[in-house]
Amino acid sequence: MRGFRVLKYNPNAMELNLIETNPDVMMGKPVVAGTLITVELVLEKLAAGETVSKFSTLIRA
């Protein structure tokens, strides 16, 4: 069973591949790398007032 990790702000994050797209995954929508969590969902949660630290615990290690 895989654990979860909390992502912390990293000013060098642009150097990482945190977002990926694949036509065979989530109908080609951009997702958080290695997950089925769409960028759209992340933005919706943040717009609704969810905190980054609370939401980021859903991202698997």
Protein backbone atom coordinates (compact mmCIF):
# COMPACT_ATOMS: atom_id res chain seq x y z
CA MET A 1 0.00 0.00 0.00
CA ARG A 2 1.39 3.35 -0.99
CA GLY A 3 1.46 6.28 1.38
CA PHE A 4 0.53 9.87 0.83
CA ARG A 5 2.78 12.88 0.78
CA VAL A 6 2.20 16.57 1.29
CA LEU A 7 3.66 18.82 -1.36
CA LYS A 8 5.23 22.00 -0.09
CA TYR A 9 5.79 25.18 -2.06
CA ASN A 10 8.99 25.03 -4.02
CA PRO A 11 10.14 28.08 -5.95
CA ASN A 12 11.96 25.74 -8.35
CA ALA A 13 8.79 23.72 -9.04
CA MET A 14 8.69 24.94 -12.63
CA GLU A 15 11.71 22.73 -13.23
CA LEU A 16 9.69 19.67 -12.21
CA ASN A 17 7.12 17.90 -14.36
CA LEU A 18 4.15 18.28 -12.03
CA ILE A 19 1.48 18.34 -14.73
CA GLU A 20 1.13 15.84 -17.53
CA THR A 21 -1.31 15.11 -20.32
CA ASN A 22 -2.05 11.83 -22.04
CA PRO A 23 -4.96 11.20 -24.42
CA ASP A 24 -5.55 7.85 -22.69
CA VAL A 25 -5.80 9.36 -19.18
CA MET A 26 -8.84 11.41 -18.11
CA MET A 27 -9.73 12.08 -21.76
CA GLY A 28 -6.51 14.05 -22.25
CA LYS A 29 -7.17 16.61 -19.50
CA PRO A 30 -4.07 17.90 -17.69
CA VAL A 31 -3.53 15.92 -14.47
CA VAL A 32 -1.16 16.06 -11.51
CA ALA A 33 1.72 13.82 -12.58
CA GLY A 34 1.26 10.20 -11.54
CA THR A 35 -2.37 10.65 -10.45
CA LEU A 36 -5.86 10.87 -11.90
CA ILE A 37 -6.40 14.26 -10.21
CA THR A 38 -7.19 16.83 -12.87
CA VAL A 39 -5.79 20.34 -12.76
CA GLU A 40 -9.38 21.48 -13.21
CA LEU A 41 -10.36 19.78 -9.93
CA VAL A 42 -7.42 21.35 -8.09
CA LEU A 43 -8.38 24.81 -9.33
CA GLU A 44 -12.05 24.28 -8.45
CA LYS A 45 -11.14 23.20 -4.90
CA LEU A 46 -8.82 26.17 -4.43
CA ALA A 47 -11.48 28.57 -5.77
CA ALA A 48 -13.97 27.09 -3.28
CA GLY A 49 -11.65 27.94 -0.40
CA GLU A 50 -9.84 24.64 0.10
CA THR A 51 -6.31 25.15 1.37
CA VAL A 52 -3.32 23.85 -0.54
CA SER A 53 -2.03 21.97 2.49
CA LYS A 54 -5.37 20.22 3.06
CA PHE A 55 -5.95 19.36 -0.59
CA SER A 56 -2.41 18.27 -1.32
CA THR A 57 -2.73 15.34 1.12
CA LEU A 58 -4.81 13.60 -1.55
CA ILE A 59 -1.83 13.36 -3.86
CA ARG A 60 -0.15 9.98 -3.57
CA ALA A 61 3.56 9.60 -3.07
